C-alpha atoms as a PDB file:
ATOM      1  CA  MET A   1     -61.186  -4.667  73.767  1.00  0.00           C
ATOM      2  CA  ARG A   2     -57.624  -3.667  72.992  1.00  0.00           C
ATOM      3  CA  SER A   3     -56.679  -7.314  72.452  1.00  0.00           C
ATOM      4  CA  TYR A   4     -59.050  -7.404  69.435  1.00  0.00           C
ATOM      5  CA  ASP A   5     -57.972  -4.051  67.987  1.00  0.00           C
ATOM      6  CA  PRO A   6     -56.313  -4.564  64.562  1.00  0.00           C
ATOM      7  CA  TYR A   7     -54.367  -1.293  64.815  1.00  0.00           C
ATOM      8  CA  TYR A   8     -52.632  -2.029  68.105  1.00  0.00           C
ATOM      9  CA  ASN A   9     -52.056  -5.727  67.423  1.00  0.00           C
ATOM     10  CA  LEU A  10     -49.930  -5.386  64.305  1.00  0.00           C
ATOM     11  CA  SER A  11     -46.482  -6.884  64.657  1.00  0.00           C
ATOM     12  CA  THR A  12     -43.506  -7.704  62.489  1.00  0.00           C
ATOM     13  CA  VAL A  13     -43.578 -11.421  63.342  1.00  0.00           C
ATOM     14  CA  ARG A  14     -47.232 -12.181  62.598  1.00  0.00           C
ATOM     15  CA  GLN A  15     -48.294 -12.920  59.064  1.00  0.00           C
ATOM     16  CA  ARG A  16     -50.984 -10.536  57.832  1.00  0.00           C
ATOM     17  CA  PRO A  17     -53.828 -11.645  55.555  1.00  0.00           C
ATOM     18  CA  PRO A  18     -54.454 -10.058  52.161  1.00  0.00           C
ATOM     19  CA  THR A  19     -56.440  -6.917  52.867  1.00  0.00           C
ATOM     20  CA  TYR A  20     -58.474  -4.546  50.694  1.00  0.00           C
ATOM     21  CA  ILE A  21     -59.196  -1.192  52.329  1.00  0.00           C
ATOM     22  CA  ASP A  22     -61.634   1.139  50.615  1.00  0.00           C
ATOM     23  CA  ALA A  23     -62.278   4.627  52.017  1.00  0.00           C
ATOM     24  CA  ALA A  24     -63.795   7.924  50.941  1.00  0.00           C
ATOM     25  CA  LEU A  25     -62.874  11.500  51.750  1.00  0.00           C
ATOM     26  CA  ASP A  26     -66.466  12.599  52.361  1.00  0.00           C
ATOM     27  CA  ASP A  27     -67.608   9.628  54.459  1.00  0.00           C
ATOM     28  CA  GLY A  28     -69.652  10.905  57.383  1.00  0.00           C
ATOM     29  CA  GLN A  29     -69.136   7.820  59.571  1.00  0.00           C
ATOM     30  CA  VAL A  30     -65.441   6.993  59.112  1.00  0.00           C
ATOM     31  CA  LEU A  31     -63.075   9.935  58.873  1.00  0.00           C
ATOM     32  CA  HIS A  32     -60.594   9.690  56.001  1.00  0.00           C
ATOM     33  CA  TYR A  33     -57.521   9.599  58.233  1.00  0.00           C
ATOM     34  CA  GLN A  34     -58.601   6.498  60.175  1.00  0.00           C
ATOM     35  CA  PRO A  35     -58.107   3.914  57.390  1.00  0.00           C
ATOM     36  CA  ALA A  36     -55.029   5.820  56.189  1.00  0.00           C
ATOM     37  CA  ARG A  37     -53.567   5.614  59.693  1.00  0.00           C
ATOM     38  CA  TYR A  38     -54.127   1.842  59.790  1.00  0.00           C
ATOM     39  CA  VAL A  39     -52.461   1.414  56.390  1.00  0.00           C
ATOM     40  CA  ALA A  40     -49.459   3.478  57.502  1.00  0.00           C
ATOM     41  CA  GLN A  41     -49.147   1.443  60.711  1.00  0.00           C
ATOM     42  CA  ARG A  42     -49.375  -1.849  58.818  1.00  0.00           C
ATOM     43  CA  ARG A  43     -46.801  -0.749  56.251  1.00  0.00           C
ATOM     44  CA  SER A  44     -44.422   0.254  59.050  1.00  0.00           C
ATOM     45  CA  CYS A  45     -44.479  -3.351  60.312  1.00  0.00           C
ATOM     46  CA  VAL A  46     -42.986  -4.856  57.155  1.00  0.00           C
ATOM     47  CA  THR A  47     -39.427  -4.675  55.903  1.00  0.00           C
ATOM     48  CA  ASP A  48     -40.343  -4.916  52.224  1.00  0.00           C
ATOM     49  CA  ARG A  49     -43.385  -3.697  50.312  1.00  0.00           C
ATOM     50  CA  ASP A  50     -46.671  -5.130  51.593  1.00  0.00           C
ATOM     51  CA  ARG A  51     -48.040  -6.568  48.337  1.00  0.00           C
ATOM     52  CA  GLU A  52     -51.022  -8.108  50.093  1.00  0.00           C
ATOM     53  CA  LEU A  53     -52.444  -4.687  51.020  1.00  0.00           C
ATOM     54  CA  VAL A  54     -54.569  -2.601  48.652  1.00  0.00           C
ATOM     55  CA  PHE A  55     -55.608   0.855  49.826  1.00  0.00           C
ATOM     56  CA  ARG A  56     -58.112   2.811  47.742  1.00  0.00           C
ATOM     57  CA  MET A  57     -59.124   6.341  48.713  1.00  0.00           C
ATOM     58  CA  ARG A  58     -62.013   7.814  46.735  1.00  0.00           C
ATOM     59  CA  THR A  59     -63.307  11.383  46.736  1.00  0.00           C
ATOM     60  CA  VAL A  60     -66.987  10.407  46.875  1.00  0.00           C
ATOM     61  CA  GLY A  61     -68.659   7.374  48.362  1.00  0.00           C
ATOM     62  CA  GLY A  62     -68.218   5.897  51.793  1.00  0.00           C
ATOM     63  CA  HIS A  63     -71.127   4.580  53.828  1.00  0.00           C
ATOM     64  CA  ALA A  64     -73.601   6.508  51.677  1.00  0.00           C
ATOM     65  CA  GLY A  65     -72.182   4.825  48.557  1.00  0.00           C
ATOM     66  CA  ALA A  66     -72.106   6.108  45.016  1.00  0.00           C
ATOM     67  CA  SER A  67     -75.136   8.023  43.851  1.00  0.00           C
ATOM     68  CA  HIS A  68     -75.156   6.920  40.210  1.00  0.00           C
ATOM     69  CA  GLY A  69     -75.019   3.639  38.300  1.00  0.00           C
ATOM     70  CA  SER A  70     -71.511   3.888  36.890  1.00  0.00           C
ATOM     71  CA  GLY A  71     -70.034   4.571  40.336  1.00  0.00           C
ATOM     72  CA  ILE A  72     -71.789   1.560  41.826  1.00  0.00           C
ATOM     73  CA  ALA A  73     -70.608  -0.642  38.963  1.00  0.00           C
ATOM     74  CA  GLU A  74     -67.027   0.640  39.288  1.00  0.00           C
ATOM     75  CA  GLU A  75     -66.924  -0.090  43.030  1.00  0.00           C
ATOM     76  CA  ALA A  76     -68.307  -3.595  42.527  1.00  0.00           C
ATOM     77  CA  ALA A  77     -65.905  -4.324  39.660  1.00  0.00           C
ATOM     78  CA  PHE A  78     -62.900  -3.180  41.676  1.00  0.00           C
ATOM     79  CA  ARG A  79     -63.837  -5.345  44.661  1.00  0.00           C
ATOM     80  CA  MET A  80     -64.597  -8.389  42.515  1.00  0.00           C
ATOM     81  CA  ALA A  81     -61.318  -8.007  40.602  1.00  0.00           C
ATOM     82  CA  TRP A  82     -59.401  -7.955  43.904  1.00  0.00           C
ATOM     83  CA  ALA A  83     -61.278 -11.012  45.205  1.00  0.00           C
ATOM     84  CA  LEU A  84     -60.697 -12.938  41.971  1.00  0.00           C
ATOM     85  CA  ASP A  85     -56.997 -12.055  42.077  1.00  0.00           C
ATOM     86  CA  GLN A  86     -56.782 -13.418  45.629  1.00  0.00           C
ATOM     87  CA  LEU A  87     -58.494 -16.655  44.537  1.00  0.00           C
ATOM     88  CA  ARG A  88     -56.065 -17.008  41.636  1.00  0.00           C
ATOM     89  CA  ARG A  89     -53.080 -16.510  43.960  1.00  0.00           C
ATOM     90  CA  SER A  90     -54.363 -19.009  46.526  1.00  0.00           C
ATOM     91  CA  SER A  91     -54.852 -21.739  43.909  1.00  0.00           C
ATOM     92  CA  ARG A  92     -51.178 -21.731  42.925  1.00  0.00           C
END
């Protein structure tokens, strides 16, 4: 299983794909430090700033999701904006 683990298989020679990481402080299934630890490990593998990595930590949300309409719309808009930006960059 360790050969498939994204945390332990980061290296400075491999190219990393554009990645959007979204986490929440009050998520009951994924503790807040786990995605933050991955982001820190990935950033330690690059010599310059990792522009292909977006890390968003929210105070509410997580696996339970937002409880009201504006929060759901904000999450969806943020994810769609990131995906559209990646499509724009890949078409250059």
